[in-house]
Amino acid sequence: MNIKNYFKINYIESILLVLSFITINFFNSTLKRIFDVFHLSESVMFSISYSIPFIFLFTFIFYQSYRKKLVFNLLSIKISPWYIYAVIFFIMFNTIILNEYLSSLVPKDGPILGNMYREIEFFLKEEVKNPLPFLSTTVLLAPVCEEIFFRGIILNGMLKSKIHPFKAIIFSSFLFGLTHMNPWQLVGGLFIGTFIGYTYFITSSILDCILLHIFNNMVATVGIFYTINHDILLNENNPFYMNILVIMIGSIFIISGSYFLFRFKRKKMKKI
């Protein structure tokens, strides 16, 4: 099939999509009032309000693609070899640890960041009072919706537009972090999103990205249930040399594992 028929997206279109997502999210409070007439529980409303922006955007994108007869191959759920899963989950574990440290460097006090951090803490404390809907949304719904949107649509579309993979991965990850609307998750979105995007570039499987995202959110959610500030191996209370040691070891694992994945992709391309 002619590659020109594939769904493609550029930098500007990616930004417009994300701005549309943020705008719809902004009006979610109004949408909640509309759904109040159905007398739904707060837990159900949490899941519905989270899904609404994705439903609007997915419907719009799929309709436009159908109307223009574009090929949309984002839902690649092929299974990777077992050793690839061993590598990507090992890298992801180290990435999560380093992300905890990087995110902890963002200040949590001050007139702006302090208030923002307290609001996030309050939101999390309220949501964990209903663990089942919170877990189902955070661990299942969020990874599926966000990976289809950011990796399946934006990153995939940018790669089909022949944008350099490195630029496409970094840019889509930045947009991913930006939609979380706070500096701590912006760091995490960029750092962790970059590796998930890299995995998509290597395996071309949205399933692999969803599984990695589920794993990340499970680790984060477990931490939230124990303490809002869930820095485990890396935090400011540890000796400086310990933080440096963990960072160095984690970085070595991430770099060497990523190189192994790159070689895997090169060998796969040669067989085609």
Protein backbone atom coordinates (compact mmCIF):
# COMPACT_ATOMS: atom_id res chain seq x y z
CA MET A 1 0.00 0.00 0.00
CA ASN A 2 1.23 3.50 -0.79
CA ILE A 3 2.71 5.05 2.35
CA LYS A 4 1.16 8.42 1.37
CA ASN A 5 -2.20 6.96 2.41
CA TYR A 6 -1.11 6.61 6.02
CA PHE A 7 -2.34 8.97 8.72
CA LYS A 8 0.33 11.63 9.26
CA ILE A 9 0.74 14.55 11.63
CA ASN A 10 3.26 17.39 12.00
CA TYR A 11 4.44 19.57 14.88
CA ILE A 12 1.70 22.20 14.55
CA GLU A 13 -1.09 19.64 14.22
CA SER A 14 0.25 17.80 17.28
CA ILE A 15 0.19 21.01 19.32
CA LEU A 16 -3.34 21.80 18.16
CA LEU A 17 -4.52 18.32 19.17
CA VAL A 18 -3.02 18.69 22.63
CA LEU A 19 -4.44 22.21 23.03
CA SER A 20 -7.86 20.80 22.09
CA PHE A 21 -7.39 18.09 24.72
CA ILE A 22 -6.48 20.65 27.39
CA THR A 23 -9.41 22.89 26.40
CA ILE A 24 -11.93 20.05 26.66
CA ASN A 25 -10.44 19.13 30.03
CA PHE A 26 -10.88 22.74 31.15
CA PHE A 27 -14.60 22.52 30.46
CA ASN A 28 -14.92 19.20 32.25
CA SER A 29 -16.46 20.92 35.27
CA THR A 30 -19.34 22.06 33.07
CA LEU A 31 -19.73 18.58 31.64
CA LYS A 32 -19.87 17.19 35.19
CA ARG A 33 -22.83 19.44 35.97
CA ILE A 34 -24.62 18.07 32.91
CA PHE A 35 -24.07 14.50 34.08
CA ASP A 36 -25.26 15.39 37.58
CA VAL A 37 -28.84 14.95 36.35
CA PHE A 38 -28.16 11.21 36.18
CA HIS A 39 -27.16 11.17 39.87
CA LEU A 40 -24.00 9.18 39.23
CA SER A 41 -21.55 8.48 42.03
CA GLU A 42 -18.38 10.51 42.36
CA SER A 43 -16.28 7.49 41.45
CA VAL A 44 -18.17 6.90 38.20
CA MET A 45 -18.01 10.61 37.40
CA PHE A 46 -14.25 10.53 37.86
CA SER A 47 -13.88 7.87 35.16
CA ILE A 48 -16.39 9.49 32.81
CA SER A 49 -14.88 12.97 33.09
CA TYR A 50 -11.42 11.52 32.45
CA SER A 51 -12.64 9.73 29.31
CA ILE A 52 -14.59 12.61 27.73
CA PRO A 53 -11.64 14.49 26.13
CA PHE A 54 -10.29 11.27 24.62
CA ILE A 55 -13.71 10.25 23.28
CA PHE A 56 -14.16 13.62 21.56
CA LEU A 57 -10.68 13.61 20.02
CA PHE A 58 -10.68 9.94 18.99
CA THR A 59 -14.05 10.38 17.31
CA PHE A 60 -12.86 13.48 15.44
CA ILE A 61 -9.54 11.93 14.34
CA PHE A 62 -11.03 8.61 13.24
CA TYR A 63 -13.82 10.37 11.34
CA GLN A 64 -11.37 12.65 9.52
CA SER A 65 -9.16 9.67 8.68
CA TYR A 66 -12.13 7.70 7.36
CA ARG A 67 -13.35 10.67 5.33
CA LYS A 68 -9.92 11.15 3.75
CA LYS A 69 -9.44 7.38 3.35
CA LEU A 70 -6.27 7.33 5.40
CA VAL A 71 -4.75 4.12 6.75
CA PHE A 72 -4.71 4.12 10.56
CA ASN A 73 -2.39 1.40 11.85
CA LEU A 74 -2.06 2.66 15.42
CA LEU A 75 -3.70 -0.33 17.11
CA SER A 76 -0.80 -2.71 16.62
CA ILE A 77 -1.16 -5.23 19.44
CA LYS A 78 1.43 -7.71 18.25
CA ILE A 79 3.35 -9.59 20.91
CA SER A 80 7.08 -8.97 21.18
CA PRO A 81 9.59 -11.74 21.99
CA TRP A 82 9.80 -12.62 25.68
CA TYR A 83 13.34 -11.29 26.03
CA ILE A 84 12.24 -7.89 24.72
CA TYR A 85 9.67 -7.70 27.53
CA ALA A 86 12.35 -8.66 30.04
CA VAL A 87 14.55 -5.82 28.77
CA ILE A 88 11.91 -3.09 28.48
CA PHE A 89 10.42 -3.78 31.92
CA PHE A 90 13.87 -3.83 33.49
CA ILE A 91 14.67 -0.50 31.83
CA MET A 92 11.29 0.86 32.88
CA PHE A 93 11.96 -0.05 36.51
CA ASN A 94 15.22 1.90 36.45
CA THR A 95 13.54 4.78 34.62
CA ILE A 96 10.86 5.00 37.32
CA ILE A 97 13.53 5.17 40.04
CA LEU A 98 15.45 7.94 38.29
CA ASN A 99 12.23 9.80 37.55
CA GLU A 100 11.41 9.82 41.26
CA TYR A 101 14.65 11.66 41.89
CA LEU A 102 14.31 14.08 38.98
CA SER A 103 10.73 14.93 39.97
CA SER A 104 11.79 15.47 43.59
CA LEU A 105 14.15 18.25 42.43
CA VAL A 106 11.15 20.40 41.44
CA PRO A 107 10.35 22.70 44.40
CA LYS A 108 7.20 21.90 46.40
CA ASP A 109 6.92 25.22 48.20
CA GLY A 110 6.39 28.85 47.31
CA PRO A 111 3.27 30.88 46.46
CA ILE A 112 2.64 29.10 43.14
CA LEU A 113 4.27 25.67 43.28
CA GLY A 114 3.43 25.25 46.95
CA ASN A 115 -0.30 25.82 46.39
CA MET A 116 -0.25 23.62 43.31
CA TYR A 117 1.43 20.77 45.19
CA ARG A 118 -1.02 21.02 48.09
CA GLU A 119 -3.94 20.87 45.63
CA ILE A 120 -2.51 17.73 44.07
CA GLU A 121 -2.03 16.16 47.50
CA PHE A 122 -5.62 17.01 48.45
CA PHE A 123 -6.94 15.59 45.17
CA LEU A 124 -5.04 12.32 45.64
CA LYS A 125 -6.14 11.94 49.26
CA GLU A 126 -9.76 12.38 48.22
CA GLU A 127 -9.55 9.98 45.29
CA VAL A 128 -7.89 7.13 47.19
CA LYS A 129 -10.92 7.07 49.46
CA ASN A 130 -12.60 5.24 46.55
CA PRO A 131 -9.80 2.81 45.66
CA LEU A 132 -11.60 0.68 43.06
CA PRO A 133 -12.56 3.46 40.60
CA PHE A 134 -9.28 5.25 41.27
CA LEU A 135 -7.28 2.10 40.46
CA SER A 136 -9.37 1.19 37.42
CA THR A 137 -8.98 4.68 35.97
CA THR A 138 -5.33 5.20 36.87
CA VAL A 139 -3.99 1.72 36.16
CA LEU A 140 -6.20 0.63 33.24
CA LEU A 141 -8.16 3.44 31.59
CA ALA A 142 -5.42 6.07 31.65
CA PRO A 143 -2.68 3.90 30.09
CA VAL A 144 -4.96 2.73 27.26
CA CYS A 145 -6.32 6.20 26.40
CA GLU A 146 -3.03 8.06 26.79
CA GLU A 147 -0.95 5.55 24.83
CA ILE A 148 -3.41 5.46 21.93
CA PHE A 149 -3.40 9.27 21.86
CA PHE A 150 0.26 10.13 22.43
CA ARG A 151 2.05 7.13 20.94
CA GLY A 152 -0.54 5.63 18.59
CA ILE A 153 -1.76 8.91 17.08
CA ILE A 154 0.80 11.66 17.69
CA LEU A 155 4.10 9.75 17.68
CA ASN A 156 2.97 7.29 15.02
CA GLY A 157 1.68 10.14 12.85
CA MET A 158 4.93 12.09 13.24
CA LEU A 159 7.01 9.03 12.31
CA LYS A 160 4.83 8.49 9.23
CA SER A 161 5.51 12.14 8.32
CA LYS A 162 9.22 11.23 8.19
CA ILE A 163 10.06 13.38 11.20
CA HIS A 164 13.32 12.14 12.72
CA PRO A 165 12.50 9.49 15.38
CA PHE A 166 14.54 11.25 18.07
CA LYS A 167 12.70 14.55 17.50
CA ALA A 168 9.31 12.84 17.26
CA ILE A 169 9.84 10.86 20.48
CA ILE A 170 11.05 13.86 22.49
CA PHE A 171 8.37 16.21 21.16
CA SER A 172 5.47 13.78 21.71
CA SER A 173 6.79 13.04 25.21
CA PHE A 174 6.95 16.75 26.01
CA LEU A 175 3.32 17.13 24.94
CA PHE A 176 2.46 14.08 27.04
CA GLY A 177 4.02 15.65 30.13
CA LEU A 178 2.47 19.04 29.37
CA THR A 179 -1.10 17.71 29.48
CA HIS A 180 -0.66 16.68 33.12
CA MET A 181 -0.64 20.41 33.95
CA ASN A 182 1.94 20.37 36.73
CA PRO A 183 5.77 20.53 36.72
CA TRP A 184 6.31 17.23 38.58
CA GLN A 185 4.41 15.17 36.03
CA LEU A 186 5.83 17.27 33.22
CA VAL A 187 9.25 15.93 34.20
CA GLY A 188 7.88 12.41 34.50
CA GLY A 189 5.95 12.65 31.26
CA LEU A 190 9.03 13.77 29.38
CA PHE A 191 11.42 11.27 30.99
CA ILE A 192 9.21 8.18 31.18
CA GLY A 193 7.30 9.12 28.04
CA THR A 194 10.57 9.23 26.13
CA PHE A 195 11.34 5.63 26.96
CA ILE A 196 7.78 4.48 26.18
CA GLY A 197 8.03 6.36 22.87
CA TYR A 198 11.37 4.72 22.20
CA THR A 199 9.77 1.33 22.85
CA TYR A 200 7.06 2.16 20.29
CA PHE A 201 9.77 3.09 17.78
CA ILE A 202 11.52 -0.24 18.41
CA THR A 203 8.55 -2.64 18.52
CA SER A 204 5.81 -0.69 16.68
CA SER A 205 3.37 -2.21 19.19
CA ILE A 206 0.93 -0.02 21.08
CA LEU A 207 0.36 -3.00 23.38
CA ASP A 208 3.95 -2.81 24.65
CA CYS A 209 3.48 0.89 25.41
CA ILE A 210 0.23 0.25 27.29
CA LEU A 211 1.85 -2.49 29.37
CA LEU A 212 4.77 -0.23 30.30
CA HIS A 213 2.37 2.58 31.20
CA ILE A 214 0.29 0.21 33.35
CA PHE A 215 3.45 -0.91 35.14
CA ASN A 216 4.51 2.70 35.80
CA ASN A 217 1.07 3.70 37.08
CA MET A 218 0.85 0.60 39.29
CA VAL A 219 4.15 1.48 40.95
CA ALA A 220 3.07 5.10 41.39
CA THR A 221 -0.36 4.12 42.72
CA VAL A 222 1.08 1.71 45.28
CA GLY A 223 3.30 4.56 46.47
CA ILE A 224 0.33 6.92 46.70
CA PHE A 225 -1.61 4.49 48.89
CA TYR A 226 1.27 4.42 51.37
CA THR A 227 2.34 8.03 51.23
CA ILE A 228 1.79 11.01 48.95
CA ASN A 229 5.51 11.69 48.86
CA HIS A 230 6.57 8.22 47.71
CA ASP A 231 10.25 8.67 46.96
CA ILE A 232 11.68 5.22 47.68
CA LEU A 233 15.31 4.77 46.67
CA LEU A 234 16.20 8.34 45.82
CA ASN A 235 15.33 11.37 47.93
CA GLU A 236 16.96 14.30 49.63
CA ASN A 237 17.22 12.43 52.95
CA ASN A 238 19.60 9.83 51.54
CA PRO A 239 23.37 10.38 51.63
CA PHE A 240 24.59 12.19 48.53
CA TYR A 241 26.89 9.34 47.50
CA MET A 242 23.98 6.86 47.60
CA ASN A 243 21.88 9.00 45.25
CA ILE A 244 24.82 9.34 42.86
CA LEU A 245 25.49 5.60 42.96
CA VAL A 246 21.88 4.70 42.20
CA ILE A 247 21.74 7.30 39.40
CA MET A 248 24.94 5.95 37.83
CA ILE A 249 23.87 2.31 38.02
CA GLY A 250 20.37 3.09 36.75
CA SER A 251 21.75 5.18 33.88
CA ILE A 252 24.11 2.38 32.83
CA PHE A 253 21.24 -0.11 32.79
CA ILE A 254 19.01 2.27 30.81
CA ILE A 255 21.68 3.12 28.22
CA SER A 256 22.89 -0.46 27.74
CA GLY A 257 19.33 -1.80 27.55
CA SER A 258 18.32 0.88 25.04
CA TYR A 259 21.33 0.03 22.90
CA PHE A 260 20.31 -3.64 22.96
CA LEU A 261 16.82 -2.65 21.76
CA PHE A 262 18.31 -0.51 18.99
CA ARG A 263 20.38 -3.43 17.75
CA PHE A 264 17.26 -5.62 17.88
CA LYS A 265 15.44 -3.18 15.60
CA ARG A 266 18.36 -2.99 13.16
CA LYS A 267 18.48 -6.78 12.86
CA LYS A 268 14.70 -6.88 12.34
CA MET A 269 14.91 -4.25 9.60
CA LYS A 270 17.63 -6.20 7.78
CA LYS A 271 15.36 -9.24 7.59
CA ILE A 272 12.60 -7.25 5.90
